[in-house]
C-alpha atoms as a PDB file:
ATOM      1  CA  UNK A   1      12.062  20.774  19.712  1.00  0.00           C
ATOM      2  CA  UNK A   2       8.725  19.400  18.109  1.00  0.00           C
ATOM      3  CA  UNK A   3       8.722  17.781  14.697  1.00  0.00           C
ATOM      4  CA  UNK A   4       5.927  17.552  12.189  1.00  0.00           C
ATOM      5  CA  UNK A   5       4.937  13.685  11.810  1.00  0.00           C
ATOM      6  CA  UNK A   6       6.083  11.538   8.695  1.00  0.00           C
ATOM      7  CA  UNK A   7       3.603  11.623   6.040  1.00  0.00           C
ATOM      8  CA  UNK A   8       2.613   9.245   3.020  1.00  0.00           C
ATOM      9  CA  UNK A   9       3.242  12.179   0.772  1.00  0.00           C
ATOM     10  CA  UNK A  10       6.256  10.756  -1.222  1.00  0.00           C
ATOM     11  CA  UNK A  11       4.572   6.951  -1.180  1.00  0.00           C
ATOM     12  CA  UNK A  12       1.552   8.725  -2.476  1.00  0.00           C
ATOM     13  CA  UNK A  13       3.546  10.342  -5.630  1.00  0.00           C
ATOM     14  CA  UNK A  14       5.247   7.900  -6.718  1.00  0.00           C
ATOM     15  CA  UNK A  15       2.081   5.563  -6.717  1.00  0.00           C
ATOM     16  CA  UNK A  16       0.671   8.876  -8.846  1.00  0.00           C
ATOM     17  CA  UNK A  17       3.707   9.653 -11.352  1.00  0.00           C
ATOM     18  CA  UNK A  18       4.759   5.544 -11.908  1.00  0.00           C
ATOM     19  CA  UNK A  19       3.011   2.342 -11.944  1.00  0.00           C
ATOM     20  CA  UNK A  20       4.849   1.384  -8.437  1.00  0.00           C
ATOM     21  CA  UNK A  21       2.341  -0.420  -5.718  1.00  0.00           C
ATOM     22  CA  UNK A  22       4.695  -1.892  -3.905  1.00  0.00           C
ATOM     23  CA  UNK A  23       7.022   0.913  -2.391  1.00  0.00           C
ATOM     24  CA  UNK A  24       9.755  -0.076   0.479  1.00  0.00           C
ATOM     25  CA  UNK A  25      11.673   3.116   2.521  1.00  0.00           C
ATOM     26  CA  UNK A  26      15.006   2.124   3.383  1.00  0.00           C
ATOM     27  CA  UNK A  27      17.447   3.608   5.684  1.00  0.00           C
ATOM     28  CA  UNK A  28      20.633   2.433   7.143  1.00  0.00           C
ATOM     29  CA  UNK A  29      22.685   2.896  10.793  1.00  0.00           C
ATOM     30  CA  UNK A  30      25.862   2.149  11.605  1.00  0.00           C
ATOM     31  CA  UNK A  31      28.111   4.163   8.953  1.00  0.00           C
ATOM     32  CA  UNK A  32      29.598   6.147  11.272  1.00  0.00           C
ATOM     33  CA  UNK A  33      30.800   3.276  13.738  1.00  0.00           C
ATOM     34  CA  UNK A  34      34.054   1.806  14.103  1.00  0.00           C
ATOM     35  CA  UNK A  35      32.813  -1.435  14.735  1.00  0.00           C
ATOM     36  CA  UNK A  36      30.167  -3.842  13.496  1.00  0.00           C
ATOM     37  CA  UNK A  37      28.623  -3.731  10.285  1.00  0.00           C
ATOM     38  CA  UNK A  38      26.421  -1.142   8.771  1.00  0.00           C
ATOM     39  CA  UNK A  39      22.640  -2.287   8.768  1.00  0.00           C
ATOM     40  CA  UNK A  40      19.936  -1.413   6.194  1.00  0.00           C
ATOM     41  CA  UNK A  41      16.195  -2.393   6.802  1.00  0.00           C
ATOM     42  CA  UNK A  42      13.608  -2.010   3.868  1.00  0.00           C
ATOM     43  CA  UNK A  43       9.975  -1.525   5.147  1.00  0.00           C
ATOM     44  CA  UNK A  44       6.785  -1.895   3.117  1.00  0.00           C
ATOM     45  CA  UNK A  45       3.993  -0.037   4.847  1.00  0.00           C
ATOM     46  CA  UNK A  46       1.084   0.497   2.674  1.00  0.00           C
ATOM     47  CA  UNK A  47      -0.708   3.915   3.128  1.00  0.00           C
ATOM     48  CA  UNK A  48      -2.263   2.797   6.636  1.00  0.00           C
ATOM     49  CA  UNK A  49      -2.149   5.365   9.411  1.00  0.00           C
ATOM     50  CA  UNK A  50       1.200   4.881  11.125  1.00  0.00           C
ATOM     51  CA  UNK A  51       1.709   4.456  14.989  1.00  0.00           C
ATOM     52  CA  UNK A  52       1.837   6.939  17.304  1.00  0.00           C
ATOM     53  CA  UNK A  53       4.954   8.858  18.029  1.00  0.00           C
ATOM     54  CA  UNK A  54       6.848   7.619  14.750  1.00  0.00           C
ATOM     55  CA  UNK A  55       9.790   9.640  13.830  1.00  0.00           C
ATOM     56  CA  UNK A  56      13.552   9.576  12.678  1.00  0.00           C
ATOM     57  CA  UNK A  57      15.015   6.666  15.374  1.00  0.00           C
ATOM     58  CA  UNK A  58      17.678   9.481  16.447  1.00  0.00           C
ATOM     59  CA  UNK A  59      14.996  11.446  17.786  1.00  0.00           C
ATOM     60  CA  UNK A  60      13.819   8.987  20.050  1.00  0.00           C
ATOM     61  CA  UNK A  61      14.895   7.833  23.702  1.00  0.00           C
ATOM     62  CA  UNK A  62      16.311   4.008  23.771  1.00  0.00           C
ATOM     63  CA  UNK A  63      12.975   2.792  25.634  1.00  0.00           C
ATOM     64  CA  UNK A  64      10.430   4.561  23.405  1.00  0.00           C
ATOM     65  CA  UNK A  65      12.560   3.327  20.042  1.00  0.00           C
ATOM     66  CA  UNK A  66      12.518  -0.014  21.466  1.00  0.00           C
ATOM     67  CA  UNK A  67       8.627  -0.165  22.457  1.00  0.00           C
ATOM     68  CA  UNK A  68       8.011   1.536  18.718  1.00  0.00           C
ATOM     69  CA  UNK A  69       9.977  -1.221  17.294  1.00  0.00           C
ATOM     70  CA  UNK A  70       7.641  -4.020  18.537  1.00  0.00           C
ATOM     71  CA  UNK A  71       4.819  -2.324  17.395  1.00  0.00           C
ATOM     72  CA  UNK A  72       5.903  -1.432  14.008  1.00  0.00           C
ATOM     73  CA  UNK A  73       6.869  -5.128  13.578  1.00  0.00           C
ATOM     74  CA  UNK A  74       3.712  -6.119  13.866  1.00  0.00           C
ATOM     75  CA  UNK A  75       2.434  -3.307  12.040  1.00  0.00           C
ATOM     76  CA  UNK A  76       4.564  -3.041   8.859  1.00  0.00           C
ATOM     77  CA  UNK A  77       2.928  -5.068   5.516  1.00  0.00           C
ATOM     78  CA  UNK A  78       6.960  -6.485   5.432  1.00  0.00           C
ATOM     79  CA  UNK A  79      10.160  -5.628   6.437  1.00  0.00           C
ATOM     80  CA  UNK A  80      13.675  -6.848   5.683  1.00  0.00           C
ATOM     81  CA  UNK A  81      17.211  -6.140   7.114  1.00  0.00           C
ATOM     82  CA  UNK A  82      20.539  -6.768   5.630  1.00  0.00           C
ATOM     83  CA  UNK A  83      24.135  -6.067   7.102  1.00  0.00           C
ATOM     84  CA  UNK A  84      27.728  -5.520   5.226  1.00  0.00           C
ATOM     85  CA  UNK A  85      29.927  -6.603   7.916  1.00  0.00           C
ATOM     86  CA  UNK A  86      33.295  -5.046   8.807  1.00  0.00           C
ATOM     87  CA  UNK A  87      35.210  -7.222   6.908  1.00  0.00           C
ATOM     88  CA  UNK A  88      33.145  -6.177   3.867  1.00  0.00           C
ATOM     89  CA  UNK A  89      33.231  -2.660   4.592  1.00  0.00           C
ATOM     90  CA  UNK A  90      37.322  -2.739   4.605  1.00  0.00           C
ATOM     91  CA  UNK A  91      36.937  -4.437   1.009  1.00  0.00           C
ATOM     92  CA  UNK A  92      34.611  -2.702  -0.550  1.00  0.00           C
ATOM     93  CA  UNK A  93      34.303   1.008   1.324  1.00  0.00           C
ATOM     94  CA  UNK A  94      31.456   2.042   2.418  1.00  0.00           C
ATOM     95  CA  UNK A  95      29.199   2.840  -0.365  1.00  0.00           C
ATOM     96  CA  UNK A  96      29.484  -0.459  -1.861  1.00  0.00           C
ATOM     97  CA  UNK A  97      29.053  -1.911   1.671  1.00  0.00           C
ATOM     98  CA  UNK A  98      25.461   0.190   1.688  1.00  0.00           C
ATOM     99  CA  UNK A  99      24.775  -0.995  -1.444  1.00  0.00           C
ATOM    100  CA  UNK A 100      25.481  -4.681  -0.555  1.00  0.00           C
ATOM    101  CA  UNK A 101      23.400  -3.998   2.713  1.00  0.00           C
ATOM    102  CA  UNK A 102      20.689  -2.718   0.904  1.00  0.00           C
ATOM    103  CA  UNK A 103      20.059  -5.265  -1.606  1.00  0.00           C
ATOM    104  CA  UNK A 104      20.273  -7.611   0.821  1.00  0.00           C
ATOM    105  CA  UNK A 105      17.348  -6.221   2.525  1.00  0.00           C
ATOM    106  CA  UNK A 106      15.125  -5.949  -0.303  1.00  0.00           C
ATOM    107  CA  UNK A 107      15.823  -9.275  -1.005  1.00  0.00           C
ATOM    108  CA  UNK A 108      14.602 -10.364   2.389  1.00  0.00           C
ATOM    109  CA  UNK A 109      11.506  -8.924   1.640  1.00  0.00           C
ATOM    110  CA  UNK A 110       8.899 -11.374   0.590  1.00  0.00           C
ATOM    111  CA  UNK A 111       7.839  -9.732  -2.437  1.00  0.00           C
ATOM    112  CA  UNK A 112      10.124  -7.355  -4.650  1.00  0.00           C
ATOM    113  CA  UNK A 113       9.388  -3.369  -4.402  1.00  0.00           C
ATOM    114  CA  UNK A 114       8.560  -1.803  -7.541  1.00  0.00           C
ATOM    115  CA  UNK A 115      10.409   1.115  -5.599  1.00  0.00           C
ATOM    116  CA  UNK A 116      12.069   2.791  -3.145  1.00  0.00           C
ATOM    117  CA  UNK A 117      12.674   5.739  -0.985  1.00  0.00           C
ATOM    118  CA  UNK A 118      16.259   5.997   0.504  1.00  0.00           C
ATOM    119  CA  UNK A 119      16.959   8.416   3.033  1.00  0.00           C
ATOM    120  CA  UNK A 120      19.695  11.060   1.979  1.00  0.00           C
ATOM    121  CA  UNK A 121      20.811  13.260  -1.051  1.00  0.00           C
ATOM    122  CA  UNK A 122      22.639  10.244  -2.504  1.00  0.00           C
ATOM    123  CA  UNK A 123      21.330   7.487  -4.214  1.00  0.00           C
ATOM    124  CA  UNK A 124      23.897   4.461  -3.245  1.00  0.00           C
ATOM    125  CA  UNK A 125      21.686   1.629  -4.862  1.00  0.00           C
ATOM    126  CA  UNK A 126      21.268   2.285  -8.156  1.00  0.00           C
ATOM    127  CA  UNK A 127      20.121   0.163 -10.968  1.00  0.00           C
ATOM    128  CA  UNK A 128      17.596  -1.869 -11.399  1.00  0.00           C
ATOM    129  CA  UNK A 129      15.590  -0.520  -8.451  1.00  0.00           C
ATOM    130  CA  UNK A 130      13.581   2.417  -9.180  1.00  0.00           C
ATOM    131  CA  UNK A 131      14.796   5.094  -6.275  1.00  0.00           C
ATOM    132  CA  UNK A 132      13.604   8.332  -5.131  1.00  0.00           C
ATOM    133  CA  UNK A 133      16.016   9.804  -2.850  1.00  0.00           C
ATOM    134  CA  UNK A 134      14.505  12.295  -0.030  1.00  0.00           C
ATOM    135  CA  UNK A 135      16.921  14.623   2.611  1.00  0.00           C
ATOM    136  CA  UNK A 136      15.661  13.492   6.083  1.00  0.00           C
ATOM    137  CA  UNK A 137      13.268  10.967   4.680  1.00  0.00           C
ATOM    138  CA  UNK A 138      13.793   9.308   8.189  1.00  0.00           C
ATOM    139  CA  UNK A 139      11.923  12.016   9.435  1.00  0.00           C
ATOM    140  CA  UNK A 140       9.404  12.796   7.147  1.00  0.00           C
ATOM    141  CA  UNK A 141       8.406   9.534   5.060  1.00  0.00           C
ATOM    142  CA  UNK A 142       6.397   6.870   6.717  1.00  0.00           C
ATOM    143  CA  UNK A 143       8.212   3.901   5.312  1.00  0.00           C
ATOM    144  CA  UNK A 144      11.541   5.323   5.754  1.00  0.00           C
ATOM    145  CA  UNK A 145      10.951   6.338   9.679  1.00  0.00           C
ATOM    146  CA  UNK A 146       9.932   2.864  10.089  1.00  0.00           C
ATOM    147  CA  UNK A 147      12.905   1.434   8.657  1.00  0.00           C
ATOM    148  CA  UNK A 148      15.355   3.607  11.033  1.00  0.00           C
ATOM    149  CA  UNK A 149      13.541   2.906  13.932  1.00  0.00           C
ATOM    150  CA  UNK A 150      13.714  -0.991  12.781  1.00  0.00           C
ATOM    151  CA  UNK A 151      17.437  -0.927  11.677  1.00  0.00           C
ATOM    152  CA  UNK A 152      18.290   0.947  14.977  1.00  0.00           C
ATOM    153  CA  UNK A 153      17.292  -1.253  17.244  1.00  0.00           C
ATOM    154  CA  UNK A 154      18.257  -4.075  15.452  1.00  0.00           C
ATOM    155  CA  UNK A 155      21.731  -2.833  15.181  1.00  0.00           C
ATOM    156  CA  UNK A 156      21.555  -1.738  18.764  1.00  0.00           C
ATOM    157  CA  UNK A 157      20.995  -5.560  19.902  1.00  0.00           C
ATOM    158  CA  UNK A 158      23.447  -6.714  17.681  1.00  0.00           C
ATOM    159  CA  UNK A 159      26.009  -5.063  18.994  1.00  0.00           C
ATOM    160  CA  UNK A 160      24.838  -5.773  22.724  1.00  0.00           C
ATOM    161  CA  UNK A 161      25.049  -9.370  21.931  1.00  0.00           C
ATOM    162  CA  UNK A 162      28.961  -8.891  20.862  1.00  0.00           C
ATOM    163  CA  UNK A 163      29.596  -6.833  23.650  1.00  0.00           C
ATOM    164  CA  UNK A 164      29.247  -9.599  26.135  1.00  0.00           C
ATOM    165  CA  UNK A 165      31.934 -10.978  24.613  1.00  0.00           C
ATOM    166  CA  UNK A 166      33.965  -7.848  24.587  1.00  0.00           C
ATOM    167  CA  UNK A 167      33.057  -6.112  27.766  1.00  0.00           C
ATOM    168  CA  UNK A 168      35.865  -3.315  27.864  1.00  0.00           C
ATOM    169  CA  UNK A 169      34.279  -1.669  24.530  1.00  0.00           C
ATOM    170  CA  UNK A 170      31.227  -0.966  25.914  1.00  0.00           C
ATOM    171  CA  UNK A 171      29.437  -1.683  22.835  1.00  0.00           C
ATOM    172  CA  UNK A 172      25.883  -2.233  24.584  1.00  0.00           C
ATOM    173  CA  UNK A 173      26.277   1.160  25.730  1.00  0.00           C
ATOM    174  CA  UNK A 174      27.768   3.049  22.305  1.00  0.00           C
ATOM    175  CA  UNK A 175      26.629   0.447  19.783  1.00  0.00           C
ATOM    176  CA  UNK A 176      30.276   0.622  18.201  1.00  0.00           C
ATOM    177  CA  UNK A 177      30.736   4.492  17.984  1.00  0.00           C
ATOM    178  CA  UNK A 178      33.551   6.406  19.532  1.00  0.00           C
ATOM    179  CA  UNK A 179      32.826   6.992  23.036  1.00  0.00           C
ATOM    180  CA  UNK A 180      35.536   7.490  25.549  1.00  0.00           C
ATOM    181  CA  UNK A 181      35.043   3.821  26.965  1.00  0.00           C
ATOM    182  CA  UNK A 182      35.524   2.265  23.352  1.00  0.00           C
ATOM    183  CA  UNK A 183      38.541   4.777  22.437  1.00  0.00           C
ATOM    184  CA  UNK A 184      40.398   3.726  25.933  1.00  0.00           C
ATOM    185  CA  UNK A 185      39.523  -0.186  25.391  1.00  0.00           C
ATOM    186  CA  UNK A 186      41.074   0.157  21.507  1.00  0.00           C
ATOM    187  CA  UNK A 187      44.060   1.868  22.906  1.00  0.00           C
ATOM    188  CA  UNK A 188      44.698  -0.481  25.626  1.00  0.00           C
ATOM    189  CA  UNK A 189      43.450  -3.597  24.111  1.00  0.00           C
ATOM    190  CA  UNK A 190      43.450  -3.121  20.386  1.00  0.00           C
ATOM    191  CA  UNK A 191      40.740  -3.626  17.729  1.00  0.00           C
ATOM    192  CA  UNK A 192      38.558  -6.916  18.171  1.00  0.00           C
ATOM    193  CA  UNK A 193      37.414  -9.246  15.189  1.00  0.00           C
ATOM    194  CA  UNK A 194      34.243  -6.574  14.601  1.00  0.00           C
ATOM    195  CA  UNK A 195      36.370  -3.449  14.144  1.00  0.00           C
ATOM    196  CA  UNK A 196      36.809  -1.902  10.842  1.00  0.00           C
ATOM    197  CA  UNK A 197      40.449  -1.996  10.237  1.00  0.00           C
ATOM    198  CA  UNK A 198      40.533   0.319   7.235  1.00  0.00           C
ATOM    199  CA  UNK A 199      39.657   3.667   9.256  1.00  0.00           C
ATOM    200  CA  UNK A 200      41.711   6.432  10.271  1.00  0.00           C
ATOM    201  CA  UNK A 201      40.948   6.014  13.864  1.00  0.00           C
ATOM    202  CA  UNK A 202      44.237   3.101  13.546  1.00  0.00           C
ATOM    203  CA  UNK A 203      46.395   6.400  12.822  1.00  0.00           C
ATOM    204  CA  UNK A 204      46.357   7.820  16.226  1.00  0.00           C
ATOM    205  CA  UNK A 205      47.200   4.170  17.541  1.00  0.00           C
ATOM    206  CA  UNK A 206      50.879   3.357  17.385  1.00  0.00           C
ATOM    207  CA  UNK A 207      51.036   0.279  19.225  1.00  0.00           C
ATOM    208  CA  UNK A 208      48.053  -0.922  16.422  1.00  0.00           C
ATOM    209  CA  UNK A 209      48.809   0.422  13.155  1.00  0.00           C
ATOM    210  CA  UNK A 210      50.462  -2.518  11.923  1.00  0.00           C
ATOM    211  CA  UNK A 211      46.668  -3.803  11.966  1.00  0.00           C
ATOM    212  CA  UNK A 212      45.502  -1.050   9.556  1.00  0.00           C
ATOM    213  CA  UNK A 213      44.255  -2.305   6.166  1.00  0.00           C
ATOM    214  CA  UNK A 214      44.505  -0.690   2.764  1.00  0.00           C
ATOM    215  CA  UNK A 215      41.809  -1.100   0.302  1.00  0.00           C
ATOM    216  CA  UNK A 216      41.940  -2.436  -2.830  1.00  0.00           C
ATOM    217  CA  UNK A 217      38.319  -2.303  -4.486  1.00  0.00           C
ATOM    218  CA  UNK A 218      37.778  -5.459  -6.575  1.00  0.00           C
ATOM    219  CA  UNK A 219      37.393  -5.254 -10.319  1.00  0.00           C
ATOM    220  CA  UNK A 220      33.694  -7.134  -9.548  1.00  0.00           C
ATOM    221  CA  UNK A 221      31.518  -6.298  -6.890  1.00  0.00           C
ATOM    222  CA  UNK A 222      30.580  -9.689  -4.982  1.00  0.00           C
ATOM    223  CA  UNK A 223      27.607 -11.466  -5.228  1.00  0.00           C
ATOM    224  CA  UNK A 224      24.510 -10.357  -2.648  1.00  0.00           C
ATOM    225  CA  UNK A 225      24.186 -13.952  -1.820  1.00  0.00           C
ATOM    226  CA  UNK A 226      26.154 -16.298   0.801  1.00  0.00           C
ATOM    227  CA  UNK A 227      25.946 -17.738   4.173  1.00  0.00           C
ATOM    228  CA  UNK A 228      25.585 -14.679   5.840  1.00  0.00           C
ATOM    229  CA  UNK A 229      23.720 -12.425   3.143  1.00  0.00           C
ATOM    230  CA  UNK A 230      20.160 -12.410   4.495  1.00  0.00           C
ATOM    231  CA  UNK A 231      18.485 -11.830   7.391  1.00  0.00           C
ATOM    232  CA  UNK A 232      14.649 -12.595   6.986  1.00  0.00           C
ATOM    233  CA  UNK A 233      12.042 -11.120   8.995  1.00  0.00           C
ATOM    234  CA  UNK A 234      10.933 -11.022  11.559  1.00  0.00           C
ATOM    235  CA  UNK A 235      14.173 -10.723  14.047  1.00  0.00           C
ATOM    236  CA  UNK A 236      12.563  -9.873  17.416  1.00  0.00           C
END
């Protein structure tokens, strides 16, 4: 099914209705995975004509997505990536982990954006950033679509690297999502250090239920900084 290409409509609207000039599109990948981080990309694109074929990363074949990401890295004005790691997801919960990864992505940009366009209906970022949420923004908005492709390719590459040390789990193919190979390895071998241990999949694994973590939200969110806080662009 063909889809209309993304446009700069939202970016132009923000420029017309606010004083924003530097606008970052933000998208995430890895929210539903059982292993690996949740990864957020912030992409600043300006209003230039986007590369041919740009769309939501989920609509692209792996080969096309990888090729497009290489083009995008030379086309975007700037981009930053941030991860929230499995231990942070277990400790904070997914919403707070998404915010942490998004803050890290924004702080990896060379210039603080005046506004951000966030894919989806829920603003998990909040103050002090000026946020515009756009449902299916990764399909309709140029900067968010660019962020979705870069984030997906970067996280897939990271999961493939992890898969070299945990071959039975097939991370290079499933990126930490619950594919049959992944499920079978979990049952036989138990979770790796890269698995999220507060998630319900452990309830179906009697041998490994003792590893499950119960989240107790901290009174104060952790700072965005730290040894692994930022992953600076370029990353390829």
